[in-house]
Amino acid sequence: MAEYVLRRALYGLLVVALVTVFVFLTLRLIPGDAVRLQLADAPGVSEEQVAALAAQLGLDQPLLTQLGTFVTDAARGDFGTSFQSQEPVTALIADRLPTTLQLGVMAMLVSVLLGVPLGLLSAARQNSWLDQGLRVVSVAGISVPNFWLGLLLVTYLALWFGWSPPLVYRTPGEDLGSNLVHMALPALALGVAGMAAIARMLRSSLLEVLRSPFVRTVRAKGASETRVFVHAVRNSLVPVFTLVGLQVGAILGGTVILESIFGIPGMGMLIFESVQLRDYPVVLGCVVVYGAVFVLVNLVVDLLYGVIDPRIRYA
């Protein structure tokens, strides 16, 4: 087990490193000069001032040198200083990360708490009108972009019911009720696609297990259909857990737009603003943290396989 965890951790570090390099190079391809954006409000900027600021920010160095400096500092937990606010990137991330984690957990709860019952119900009523309806809902849930769904929720709740989420974000410590109301719609918009995917996966996996030889043996021994269904559910959960781990990436990516739409000051909004301002250290620091969270969650999911199905062994 220890060897397996170590190997997966090393693979995870490689994935985070490759993603960091890709984002680093992609940021440099976005039109716009990061140095001139920092001096946009200063009147009569000379080329000497631009060159001096570029040297101060380290942007006059070759790309490989800049990348090597960032990776070396990041390995020590230092993501540099924000070009815009001149604050340490680690402090900015520490301030915004809890908000994004709360939104992500709420979205995952929507996915699991709605997707699992819908998948079980669909499999239990296979080919019925209820099953057909749930399958249509699942396809629609997967197809609709989360940011578009978020806009629809805000627009039509305001038009039909005269209600909109609070305009000012408050932390759970300031006002828990207002915080949960503010988070409810973006969590729903983020969780719908995961809900639909989990429902479809669970339905397919459960129906496959119900056709397996061991289920026929359990039935032949006189077990009730309820007991058969319970046995089958446990054996069909491994693919669902895999999907839950992958949904973490989709949810983290969705926070970038939805936090901006709903005015939630999390890491998603921080990335959105930093890309517009070409604040490279902030974007890269957030990417590293997002990648680490994704890798960690998927490692935990892999380790839970053995709890769900004791036949699974780690080599």
C-alpha atoms as a PDB file:
ATOM      1  CA  MET A   1       0.000   0.000   0.000  1.00  0.00           C
ATOM      2  CA  ALA A   2       2.771   2.468   0.938  1.00  0.00           C
ATOM      3  CA  GLU A   3       4.572   1.785  -2.337  1.00  0.00           C
ATOM      4  CA  TYR A   4       1.347   2.310  -4.290  1.00  0.00           C
ATOM      5  CA  VAL A   5       0.639   5.639  -2.531  1.00  0.00           C
ATOM      6  CA  LEU A   6       4.196   6.837  -3.147  1.00  0.00           C
ATOM      7  CA  ARG A   7       4.007   5.886  -6.819  1.00  0.00           C
ATOM      8  CA  ARG A   8       0.679   7.646  -7.274  1.00  0.00           C
ATOM      9  CA  ALA A   9       2.006  10.733  -5.446  1.00  0.00           C
ATOM     10  CA  LEU A  10       4.974  10.892  -7.830  1.00  0.00           C
ATOM     11  CA  TYR A  11       2.647  10.551 -10.825  1.00  0.00           C
ATOM     12  CA  GLY A  12       0.531  13.333  -9.341  1.00  0.00           C
ATOM     13  CA  LEU A  13       3.545  15.627  -9.010  1.00  0.00           C
ATOM     14  CA  LEU A  14       4.403  14.934 -12.649  1.00  0.00           C
ATOM     15  CA  VAL A  15       0.861  15.816 -13.731  1.00  0.00           C
ATOM     16  CA  VAL A  16       0.915  19.083 -11.761  1.00  0.00           C
ATOM     17  CA  ALA A  17       4.324  19.955 -13.221  1.00  0.00           C
ATOM     18  CA  LEU A  18       3.176  19.311 -16.811  1.00  0.00           C
ATOM     19  CA  VAL A  19       0.003  21.344 -16.306  1.00  0.00           C
ATOM     20  CA  THR A  20       2.050  24.190 -14.825  1.00  0.00           C
ATOM     21  CA  VAL A  21       4.402  24.234 -17.821  1.00  0.00           C
ATOM     22  CA  PHE A  22       1.473  24.159 -20.244  1.00  0.00           C
ATOM     23  CA  VAL A  23      -0.320  27.051 -18.510  1.00  0.00           C
ATOM     24  CA  PHE A  24       2.945  29.013 -18.207  1.00  0.00           C
ATOM     25  CA  LEU A  25       3.537  28.821 -21.955  1.00  0.00           C
ATOM     26  CA  THR A  26      -0.136  29.429 -22.816  1.00  0.00           C
ATOM     27  CA  LEU A  27      -0.231  32.618 -20.734  1.00  0.00           C
ATOM     28  CA  ARG A  28       2.654  34.015 -22.752  1.00  0.00           C
ATOM     29  CA  LEU A  29       0.695  33.419 -25.969  1.00  0.00           C
ATOM     30  CA  ILE A  30      -2.311  35.500 -24.820  1.00  0.00           C
ATOM     31  CA  PRO A  31      -2.296  38.898 -26.571  1.00  0.00           C
ATOM     32  CA  GLY A  32      -1.393  41.788 -24.295  1.00  0.00           C
ATOM     33  CA  ASP A  33       1.718  43.030 -22.552  1.00  0.00           C
ATOM     34  CA  ALA A  34       1.762  42.237 -18.829  1.00  0.00           C
ATOM     35  CA  VAL A  35       4.136  45.117 -18.095  1.00  0.00           C
ATOM     36  CA  ARG A  36       2.121  47.748 -19.944  1.00  0.00           C
ATOM     37  CA  LEU A  37      -1.090  46.542 -18.266  1.00  0.00           C
ATOM     38  CA  GLN A  38       0.467  47.293 -14.883  1.00  0.00           C
ATOM     39  CA  LEU A  39       1.318  50.812 -16.091  1.00  0.00           C
ATOM     40  CA  ALA A  40      -1.993  51.407 -17.872  1.00  0.00           C
ATOM     41  CA  ASP A  41      -3.145  54.087 -15.416  1.00  0.00           C
ATOM     42  CA  ALA A  42       0.146  55.964 -15.408  1.00  0.00           C
ATOM     43  CA  PRO A  43       0.210  58.933 -17.824  1.00  0.00           C
ATOM     44  CA  GLY A  44       3.065  59.399 -20.249  1.00  0.00           C
ATOM     45  CA  VAL A  45       4.836  56.101 -19.659  1.00  0.00           C
ATOM     46  CA  SER A  46       8.285  55.994 -21.237  1.00  0.00           C
ATOM     47  CA  GLU A  47      10.045  52.948 -22.678  1.00  0.00           C
ATOM     48  CA  GLU A  48      12.627  53.253 -19.896  1.00  0.00           C
ATOM     49  CA  GLN A  49       9.892  52.867 -17.288  1.00  0.00           C
ATOM     50  CA  VAL A  50       8.509  49.826 -19.129  1.00  0.00           C
ATOM     51  CA  ALA A  51      11.980  48.250 -19.272  1.00  0.00           C
ATOM     52  CA  ALA A  52      12.620  48.999 -15.586  1.00  0.00           C
ATOM     53  CA  LEU A  53       9.325  47.404 -14.497  1.00  0.00           C
ATOM     54  CA  ALA A  54       9.960  44.386 -16.733  1.00  0.00           C
ATOM     55  CA  ALA A  55      13.330  43.911 -15.032  1.00  0.00           C
ATOM     56  CA  GLN A  56      11.732  44.339 -11.599  1.00  0.00           C
ATOM     57  CA  LEU A  57       9.105  41.688 -12.369  1.00  0.00           C
ATOM     58  CA  GLY A  58      11.655  39.366 -13.939  1.00  0.00           C
ATOM     59  CA  LEU A  59       9.902  39.461 -17.311  1.00  0.00           C
ATOM     60  CA  ASP A  60      13.061  40.515 -19.132  1.00  0.00           C
ATOM     61  CA  GLN A  61      14.554  37.068 -18.581  1.00  0.00           C
ATOM     62  CA  PRO A  62      14.285  34.215 -21.130  1.00  0.00           C
ATOM     63  CA  LEU A  63      11.132  32.089 -20.812  1.00  0.00           C
ATOM     64  CA  LEU A  64      13.014  29.009 -19.616  1.00  0.00           C
ATOM     65  CA  THR A  65      14.735  31.048 -16.927  1.00  0.00           C
ATOM     66  CA  GLN A  66      11.395  32.462 -15.747  1.00  0.00           C
ATOM     67  CA  LEU A  67       9.872  28.963 -15.700  1.00  0.00           C
ATOM     68  CA  GLY A  68      12.822  27.530 -13.799  1.00  0.00           C
ATOM     69  CA  THR A  69      12.636  30.322 -11.217  1.00  0.00           C
ATOM     70  CA  PHE A  70       8.915  29.781 -10.669  1.00  0.00           C
ATOM     71  CA  VAL A  71       9.228  25.988 -10.333  1.00  0.00           C
ATOM     72  CA  THR A  72      12.155  26.286  -7.924  1.00  0.00           C
ATOM     73  CA  ASP A  73      10.315  28.794  -5.730  1.00  0.00           C
ATOM     74  CA  ALA A  74       7.039  26.862  -5.935  1.00  0.00           C
ATOM     75  CA  ALA A  75       8.782  23.722  -4.671  1.00  0.00           C
ATOM     76  CA  ARG A  76       9.485  25.711  -1.486  1.00  0.00           C
ATOM     77  CA  GLY A  77       5.874  26.899  -1.270  1.00  0.00           C
ATOM     78  CA  ASP A  78       6.610  30.373  -2.621  1.00  0.00           C
ATOM     79  CA  PHE A  79       4.530  31.336  -5.670  1.00  0.00           C
ATOM     80  CA  GLY A  80       5.990  34.822  -5.890  1.00  0.00           C
ATOM     81  CA  THR A  81       4.311  38.218  -5.605  1.00  0.00           C
ATOM     82  CA  SER A  82       1.244  39.461  -7.442  1.00  0.00           C
ATOM     83  CA  PHE A  83       2.068  41.965 -10.185  1.00  0.00           C
ATOM     84  CA  GLN A  84      -1.120  43.905  -9.467  1.00  0.00           C
ATOM     85  CA  SER A  85      -1.524  44.003  -5.673  1.00  0.00           C
ATOM     86  CA  GLN A  86       2.109  43.380  -4.683  1.00  0.00           C
ATOM     87  CA  GLU A  87       0.878  40.816  -2.132  1.00  0.00           C
ATOM     88  CA  PRO A  88       2.358  37.327  -1.754  1.00  0.00           C
ATOM     89  CA  VAL A  89       0.440  34.883  -3.964  1.00  0.00           C
ATOM     90  CA  THR A  90       0.318  32.340  -1.136  1.00  0.00           C
ATOM     91  CA  ALA A  91      -1.533  34.884   1.041  1.00  0.00           C
ATOM     92  CA  LEU A  92      -4.037  35.606  -1.740  1.00  0.00           C
ATOM     93  CA  ILE A  93      -4.669  31.877  -2.264  1.00  0.00           C
ATOM     94  CA  ALA A  94      -4.997  31.206   1.466  1.00  0.00           C
ATOM     95  CA  ASP A  95      -7.627  33.943   1.659  1.00  0.00           C
ATOM     96  CA  ARG A  96      -9.662  32.704  -1.328  1.00  0.00           C
ATOM     97  CA  LEU A  97      -9.243  28.907  -1.147  1.00  0.00           C
ATOM     98  CA  PRO A  98     -11.768  28.204   1.675  1.00  0.00           C
ATOM     99  CA  THR A  99     -14.538  29.906  -0.310  1.00  0.00           C
ATOM    100  CA  THR A 100     -13.857  27.841  -3.421  1.00  0.00           C
ATOM    101  CA  LEU A 101     -13.574  24.632  -1.392  1.00  0.00           C
ATOM    102  CA  GLN A 102     -16.963  25.352   0.201  1.00  0.00           C
ATOM    103  CA  LEU A 103     -18.531  25.888  -3.216  1.00  0.00           C
ATOM    104  CA  GLY A 104     -16.879  22.727  -4.553  1.00  0.00           C
ATOM    105  CA  VAL A 105     -18.061  20.599  -1.621  1.00  0.00           C
ATOM    106  CA  MET A 106     -21.613  21.919  -1.960  1.00  0.00           C
ATOM    107  CA  ALA A 107     -21.595  21.202  -5.708  1.00  0.00           C
ATOM    108  CA  MET A 108     -20.303  17.679  -5.087  1.00  0.00           C
ATOM    109  CA  LEU A 109     -23.037  17.091  -2.513  1.00  0.00           C
ATOM    110  CA  VAL A 110     -25.608  18.155  -5.124  1.00  0.00           C
ATOM    111  CA  SER A 111     -24.076  15.705  -7.611  1.00  0.00           C
ATOM    112  CA  VAL A 112     -23.946  12.741  -5.251  1.00  0.00           C
ATOM    113  CA  LEU A 113     -27.096  13.269  -3.189  1.00  0.00           C
ATOM    114  CA  LEU A 114     -29.216  13.726  -6.319  1.00  0.00           C
ATOM    115  CA  GLY A 115     -27.325  11.535  -8.797  1.00  0.00           C
ATOM    116  CA  VAL A 116     -27.186   8.344  -6.720  1.00  0.00           C
ATOM    117  CA  PRO A 117     -30.945   8.156  -5.937  1.00  0.00           C
ATOM    118  CA  LEU A 118     -31.826   8.990  -9.545  1.00  0.00           C
ATOM    119  CA  GLY A 119     -29.478   6.290 -10.837  1.00  0.00           C
ATOM    120  CA  LEU A 120     -30.883   3.695  -8.429  1.00  0.00           C
ATOM    121  CA  LEU A 121     -34.454   4.628  -9.293  1.00  0.00           C
ATOM    122  CA  SER A 122     -33.749   4.504 -13.009  1.00  0.00           C
ATOM    123  CA  ALA A 123     -32.170   1.037 -12.749  1.00  0.00           C
ATOM    124  CA  ALA A 124     -34.945  -0.291 -10.501  1.00  0.00           C
ATOM    125  CA  ARG A 125     -37.594   0.858 -13.024  1.00  0.00           C
ATOM    126  CA  GLN A 126     -35.692  -0.096 -16.162  1.00  0.00           C
ATOM    127  CA  ASN A 127     -37.414   0.825 -19.445  1.00  0.00           C
ATOM    128  CA  SER A 128     -40.407   2.335 -17.637  1.00  0.00           C
ATOM    129  CA  TRP A 129     -41.676   5.840 -18.401  1.00  0.00           C
ATOM    130  CA  LEU A 130     -39.883   6.994 -15.246  1.00  0.00           C
ATOM    131  CA  ASP A 131     -36.604   5.500 -16.475  1.00  0.00           C
ATOM    132  CA  GLN A 132     -37.019   7.141 -19.878  1.00  0.00           C
ATOM    133  CA  GLY A 133     -37.762  10.503 -18.283  1.00  0.00           C
ATOM    134  CA  LEU A 134     -34.737  10.309 -15.975  1.00  0.00           C
ATOM    135  CA  ARG A 135     -32.498   9.400 -18.897  1.00  0.00           C
ATOM    136  CA  VAL A 136     -33.691  12.468 -20.806  1.00  0.00           C
ATOM    137  CA  VAL A 137     -33.005  14.615 -17.736  1.00  0.00           C
ATOM    138  CA  SER A 138     -29.519  13.073 -17.435  1.00  0.00           C
ATOM    139  CA  VAL A 139     -28.640  13.793 -21.059  1.00  0.00           C
ATOM    140  CA  ALA A 140     -29.887  17.371 -20.677  1.00  0.00           C
ATOM    141  CA  GLY A 141     -27.899  17.809 -17.457  1.00  0.00           C
ATOM    142  CA  ILE A 142     -24.682  16.663 -19.102  1.00  0.00           C
ATOM    143  CA  SER A 143     -25.269  18.790 -22.213  1.00  0.00           C
ATOM    144  CA  VAL A 144     -26.065  22.148 -20.587  1.00  0.00           C
ATOM    145  CA  PRO A 145     -22.955  24.269 -19.785  1.00  0.00           C
ATOM    146  CA  ASN A 146     -22.825  25.159 -16.094  1.00  0.00           C
ATOM    147  CA  PHE A 147     -22.270  28.887 -16.682  1.00  0.00           C
ATOM    148  CA  TRP A 148     -25.319  29.054 -18.973  1.00  0.00           C
ATOM    149  CA  LEU A 149     -27.407  27.181 -16.409  1.00  0.00           C
ATOM    150  CA  GLY A 150     -26.224  29.618 -13.742  1.00  0.00           C
ATOM    151  CA  LEU A 151     -27.334  32.580 -15.847  1.00  0.00           C
ATOM    152  CA  LEU A 152     -30.713  30.933 -16.496  1.00  0.00           C
ATOM    153  CA  LEU A 153     -31.251  30.322 -12.784  1.00  0.00           C
ATOM    154  CA  VAL A 154     -30.487  33.925 -11.893  1.00  0.00           C
ATOM    155  CA  THR A 155     -32.581  35.355 -14.739  1.00  0.00           C
ATOM    156  CA  TYR A 156     -35.713  33.251 -14.424  1.00  0.00           C
ATOM    157  CA  LEU A 157     -35.836  33.178 -10.641  1.00  0.00           C
ATOM    158  CA  ALA A 158     -35.795  36.977 -10.771  1.00  0.00           C
ATOM    159  CA  LEU A 159     -38.391  37.166 -13.568  1.00  0.00           C
ATOM    160  CA  TRP A 160     -40.799  34.514 -12.283  1.00  0.00           C
ATOM    161  CA  PHE A 161     -40.433  34.819  -8.528  1.00  0.00           C
ATOM    162  CA  GLY A 162     -38.845  38.227  -8.058  1.00  0.00           C
ATOM    163  CA  TRP A 163     -35.959  36.641  -6.151  1.00  0.00           C
ATOM    164  CA  SER A 164     -32.217  36.898  -6.649  1.00  0.00           C
ATOM    165  CA  PRO A 165     -29.267  35.800  -4.515  1.00  0.00           C
ATOM    166  CA  PRO A 166     -27.718  38.330  -2.089  1.00  0.00           C
ATOM    167  CA  LEU A 167     -25.668  40.968  -3.879  1.00  0.00           C
ATOM    168  CA  VAL A 168     -22.965  41.085  -1.194  1.00  0.00           C
ATOM    169  CA  TYR A 169     -21.045  37.931  -0.337  1.00  0.00           C
ATOM    170  CA  ARG A 170     -20.729  37.135   3.361  1.00  0.00           C
ATOM    171  CA  THR A 171     -18.551  34.458   4.889  1.00  0.00           C
ATOM    172  CA  PRO A 172     -20.133  31.697   7.016  1.00  0.00           C
ATOM    173  CA  GLY A 173     -18.709  33.401  10.099  1.00  0.00           C
ATOM    174  CA  GLU A 174     -20.382  36.709   9.252  1.00  0.00           C
ATOM    175  CA  ASP A 175     -23.819  35.383   8.238  1.00  0.00           C
ATOM    176  CA  LEU A 176     -24.233  31.636   7.673  1.00  0.00           C
ATOM    177  CA  GLY A 177     -27.757  31.940   6.277  1.00  0.00           C
ATOM    178  CA  SER A 178     -26.828  34.600   3.721  1.00  0.00           C
ATOM    179  CA  ASN A 179     -23.707  32.622   2.787  1.00  0.00           C
ATOM    180  CA  LEU A 180     -25.630  29.398   2.083  1.00  0.00           C
ATOM    181  CA  VAL A 181     -28.284  31.250   0.075  1.00  0.00           C
ATOM    182  CA  HIS A 182     -25.548  32.940  -1.971  1.00  0.00           C
ATOM    183  CA  MET A 183     -23.803  29.608  -2.602  1.00  0.00           C
ATOM    184  CA  ALA A 184     -26.938  27.580  -3.389  1.00  0.00           C
ATOM    185  CA  LEU A 185     -27.447  28.575  -7.039  1.00  0.00           C
ATOM    186  CA  PRO A 186     -23.804  28.298  -8.189  1.00  0.00           C
ATOM    187  CA  ALA A 187     -23.512  24.967  -6.338  1.00  0.00           C
ATOM    188  CA  LEU A 188     -26.628  23.727  -8.130  1.00  0.00           C
ATOM    189  CA  ALA A 189     -25.345  24.940 -11.501  1.00  0.00           C
ATOM    190  CA  LEU A 190     -21.984  23.268 -10.892  1.00  0.00           C
ATOM    191  CA  GLY A 191     -23.486  20.045  -9.568  1.00  0.00           C
ATOM    192  CA  VAL A 192     -26.118  19.340 -12.240  1.00  0.00           C
ATOM    193  CA  ALA A 193     -23.670  17.907 -14.795  1.00  0.00           C
ATOM    194  CA  GLY A 194     -22.088  15.688 -12.143  1.00  0.00           C
ATOM    195  CA  MET A 195     -25.524  14.580 -10.963  1.00  0.00           C
ATOM    196  CA  ALA A 196     -26.491  13.554 -14.504  1.00  0.00           C
ATOM    197  CA  ALA A 197     -23.199  11.741 -15.126  1.00  0.00           C
ATOM    198  CA  ILE A 198     -23.377   9.856 -11.817  1.00  0.00           C
ATOM    199  CA  ALA A 199     -27.006   8.849 -12.446  1.00  0.00           C
ATOM    200  CA  ARG A 200     -26.178   7.476 -15.904  1.00  0.00           C
ATOM    201  CA  MET A 201     -23.045   5.692 -14.729  1.00  0.00           C
ATOM    202  CA  LEU A 202     -24.762   4.119 -11.717  1.00  0.00           C
ATOM    203  CA  ARG A 203     -27.710   2.962 -13.817  1.00  0.00           C
ATOM    204  CA  SER A 204     -25.444   1.286 -16.405  1.00  0.00           C
ATOM    205  CA  SER A 205     -23.155  -0.260 -13.791  1.00  0.00           C
ATOM    206  CA  LEU A 206     -26.037  -1.536 -11.668  1.00  0.00           C
ATOM    207  CA  LEU A 207     -27.861  -3.105 -14.608  1.00  0.00           C
ATOM    208  CA  GLU A 208     -24.647  -4.838 -15.660  1.00  0.00           C
ATOM    209  CA  VAL A 209     -24.149  -6.246 -12.153  1.00  0.00           C
ATOM    210  CA  LEU A 210     -27.772  -7.410 -11.980  1.00  0.00           C
ATOM    211  CA  ARG A 211     -27.135  -9.548 -15.079  1.00  0.00           C
ATOM    212  CA  SER A 212     -23.967 -11.120 -13.654  1.00  0.00           C
ATOM    213  CA  PRO A 213     -23.715 -14.825 -12.631  1.00  0.00           C
ATOM    214  CA  PHE A 214     -23.325 -14.149  -8.891  1.00  0.00           C
ATOM    215  CA  VAL A 215     -26.676 -12.327  -8.831  1.00  0.00           C
ATOM    216  CA  ARG A 216     -28.363 -15.312 -10.453  1.00  0.00           C
ATOM    217  CA  THR A 217     -26.786 -17.483  -7.751  1.00  0.00           C
ATOM    218  CA  VAL A 218     -28.092 -15.204  -4.989  1.00  0.00           C
ATOM    219  CA  ARG A 219     -31.582 -15.359  -6.502  1.00  0.00           C
ATOM    220  CA  ALA A 220     -31.365 -19.146  -6.812  1.00  0.00           C
ATOM    221  CA  LYS A 221     -30.648 -19.356  -3.093  1.00  0.00           C
ATOM    222  CA  GLY A 222     -33.996 -17.698  -2.418  1.00  0.00           C
ATOM    223  CA  ALA A 223     -32.849 -14.175  -1.519  1.00  0.00           C
ATOM    224  CA  SER A 224     -35.455 -11.444  -1.814  1.00  0.00           C
ATOM    225  CA  GLU A 225     -35.230  -8.910  -4.624  1.00  0.00           C
ATOM    226  CA  THR A 226     -34.466  -6.193  -2.062  1.00  0.00           C
ATOM    227  CA  ARG A 227     -31.458  -8.126  -0.771  1.00  0.00           C
ATOM    228  CA  VAL A 228     -30.318  -8.870  -4.313  1.00  0.00           C
ATOM    229  CA  PHE A 229     -30.542  -5.167  -5.168  1.00  0.00           C
ATOM    230  CA  VAL A 230     -28.514  -4.179  -2.093  1.00  0.00           C
ATOM    231  CA  HIS A 231     -25.752  -6.655  -2.988  1.00  0.00           C
ATOM    232  CA  ALA A 232     -25.712  -5.408  -6.568  1.00  0.00           C
ATOM    233  CA  VAL A 233     -25.510  -1.735  -5.538  1.00  0.00           C
ATOM    234  CA  ARG A 234     -22.326  -2.250  -3.537  1.00  0.00           C
ATOM    235  CA  ASN A 235     -20.664  -4.055  -6.440  1.00  0.00           C
ATOM    236  CA  SER A 236     -21.629  -1.304  -8.882  1.00  0.00           C
ATOM    237  CA  LEU A 237     -20.152   1.627  -6.923  1.00  0.00           C
ATOM    238  CA  VAL A 238     -16.515   1.401  -8.067  1.00  0.00           C
ATOM    239  CA  PRO A 239     -17.114   3.095 -11.463  1.00  0.00           C
ATOM    240  CA  VAL A 240     -19.224   5.724  -9.697  1.00  0.00           C
ATOM    241  CA  PHE A 241     -16.383   6.548  -7.303  1.00  0.00           C
ATOM    242  CA  THR A 242     -14.052   6.918 -10.278  1.00  0.00           C
ATOM    243  CA  LEU A 243     -16.483   9.365 -11.843  1.00  0.00           C
ATOM    244  CA  VAL A 244     -16.786  11.324  -8.581  1.00  0.00           C
ATOM    245  CA  GLY A 245     -13.017  11.818  -8.553  1.00  0.00           C
ATOM    246  CA  LEU A 246     -13.045  13.054 -12.145  1.00  0.00           C
ATOM    247  CA  GLN A 247     -15.927  15.424 -11.397  1.00  0.00           C
ATOM    248  CA  VAL A 248     -13.659  17.334  -9.012  1.00  0.00           C
ATOM    249  CA  GLY A 249     -11.728  18.648 -12.004  1.00  0.00           C
ATOM    250  CA  ALA A 250     -14.915  19.743 -13.767  1.00  0.00           C
ATOM    251  CA  ILE A 251     -16.157  21.503 -10.635  1.00  0.00           C
ATOM    252  CA  LEU A 252     -12.860  23.321 -10.060  1.00  0.00           C
ATOM    253  CA  GLY A 253     -12.833  24.467 -13.676  1.00  0.00           C
ATOM    254  CA  GLY A 254     -16.443  25.626 -13.437  1.00  0.00           C
ATOM    255  CA  THR A 255     -15.702  27.856 -10.462  1.00  0.00           C
ATOM    256  CA  VAL A 256     -13.690  30.235 -12.669  1.00  0.00           C
ATOM    257  CA  ILE A 257     -16.806  31.453 -14.520  1.00  0.00           C
ATOM    258  CA  LEU A 258     -19.520  30.843 -11.935  1.00  0.00           C
ATOM    259  CA  GLU A 259     -17.736  32.687  -9.137  1.00  0.00           C
ATOM    260  CA  SER A 260     -17.465  35.662 -11.453  1.00  0.00           C
ATOM    261  CA  ILE A 261     -21.156  35.454 -12.404  1.00  0.00           C
ATOM    262  CA  PHE A 262     -22.364  35.254  -8.798  1.00  0.00           C
ATOM    263  CA  GLY A 263     -19.801  37.616  -7.279  1.00  0.00           C
ATOM    264  CA  ILE A 264     -18.158  35.003  -5.061  1.00  0.00           C
ATOM    265  CA  PRO A 265     -14.613  36.042  -4.030  1.00  0.00           C
ATOM    266  CA  GLY A 266     -12.980  32.641  -4.379  1.00  0.00           C
ATOM    267  CA  MET A 267     -10.019  31.328  -6.330  1.00  0.00           C
ATOM    268  CA  GLY A 268     -12.097  31.058  -9.504  1.00  0.00           C
ATOM    269  CA  MET A 269     -12.730  34.796  -9.533  1.00  0.00           C
ATOM    270  CA  LEU A 270      -9.083  35.388  -8.628  1.00  0.00           C
ATOM    271  CA  ILE A 271      -7.975  33.388 -11.685  1.00  0.00           C
ATOM    272  CA  PHE A 272     -10.491  35.183 -13.925  1.00  0.00           C
ATOM    273  CA  GLU A 273      -9.283  38.623 -12.827  1.00  0.00           C
ATOM    274  CA  SER A 274      -5.618  37.646 -12.947  1.00  0.00           C
ATOM    275  CA  VAL A 275      -5.831  36.323 -16.506  1.00  0.00           C
ATOM    276  CA  GLN A 276      -7.352  39.617 -17.625  1.00  0.00           C
ATOM    277  CA  LEU A 277      -4.541  41.556 -15.920  1.00  0.00           C
ATOM    278  CA  ARG A 278      -1.829  39.105 -17.058  1.00  0.00           C
ATOM    279  CA  ASP A 279      -0.891  38.575 -13.401  1.00  0.00           C
ATOM    280  CA  TYR A 280       1.172  35.491 -14.157  1.00  0.00           C
ATOM    281  CA  PRO A 281       2.303  34.500 -10.625  1.00  0.00           C
ATOM    282  CA  VAL A 282      -1.286  34.460  -9.326  1.00  0.00           C
ATOM    283  CA  VAL A 283      -2.601  32.371 -12.234  1.00  0.00           C
ATOM    284  CA  LEU A 284       0.240  29.863 -11.971  1.00  0.00           C
ATOM    285  CA  GLY A 285      -0.063  29.612  -8.185  1.00  0.00           C
ATOM    286  CA  CYS A 286      -3.790  28.907  -8.471  1.00  0.00           C
ATOM    287  CA  VAL A 287      -3.167  26.297 -11.173  1.00  0.00           C
ATOM    288  CA  VAL A 288      -0.681  24.477  -8.948  1.00  0.00           C
ATOM    289  CA  VAL A 289      -3.167  24.442  -6.049  1.00  0.00           C
ATOM    290  CA  TYR A 290      -6.051  23.293  -8.269  1.00  0.00           C
ATOM    291  CA  GLY A 291      -3.874  20.541  -9.698  1.00  0.00           C
ATOM    292  CA  ALA A 292      -2.765  19.412  -6.233  1.00  0.00           C
ATOM    293  CA  VAL A 293      -6.377  19.277  -4.989  1.00  0.00           C
ATOM    294  CA  PHE A 294      -7.451  17.246  -8.023  1.00  0.00           C
ATOM    295  CA  VAL A 295      -4.579  14.775  -7.655  1.00  0.00           C
ATOM    296  CA  LEU A 296      -5.147  14.402  -3.903  1.00  0.00           C
ATOM    297  CA  VAL A 297      -8.879  13.756  -4.269  1.00  0.00           C
ATOM    298  CA  ASN A 298      -8.307  11.135  -6.954  1.00  0.00           C
ATOM    299  CA  LEU A 299      -5.691   9.416  -4.784  1.00  0.00           C
ATOM    300  CA  VAL A 300      -8.195   9.240  -1.912  1.00  0.00           C
ATOM    301  CA  VAL A 301     -10.829   7.846  -4.292  1.00  0.00           C
ATOM    302  CA  ASP A 302      -8.412   5.160  -5.472  1.00  0.00           C
ATOM    303  CA  LEU A 303      -7.678   4.148  -1.882  1.00  0.00           C
ATOM    304  CA  LEU A 304     -11.402   3.884  -1.152  1.00  0.00           C
ATOM    305  CA  TYR A 305     -11.795   1.224  -3.855  1.00  0.00           C
ATOM    306  CA  GLY A 306     -10.479  -1.377  -1.429  1.00  0.00           C
ATOM    307  CA  VAL A 307     -13.071  -0.345   1.164  1.00  0.00           C
ATOM    308  CA  ILE A 308     -15.941  -0.702  -1.324  1.00  0.00           C
ATOM    309  CA  ASP A 309     -14.683  -3.940  -2.864  1.00  0.00           C
ATOM    310  CA  PRO A 310     -12.248  -5.971  -0.705  1.00  0.00           C
ATOM    311  CA  ARG A 311     -11.249  -8.016  -3.764  1.00  0.00           C
ATOM    312  CA  ILE A 312      -9.268  -5.015  -5.054  1.00  0.00           C
ATOM    313  CA  ARG A 313      -5.605  -5.147  -4.168  1.00  0.00           C
ATOM    314  CA  TYR A 314      -2.904  -2.553  -4.744  1.00  0.00           C
ATOM    315  CA  ALA A 315       0.226  -3.635  -6.525  1.00  0.00           C
END
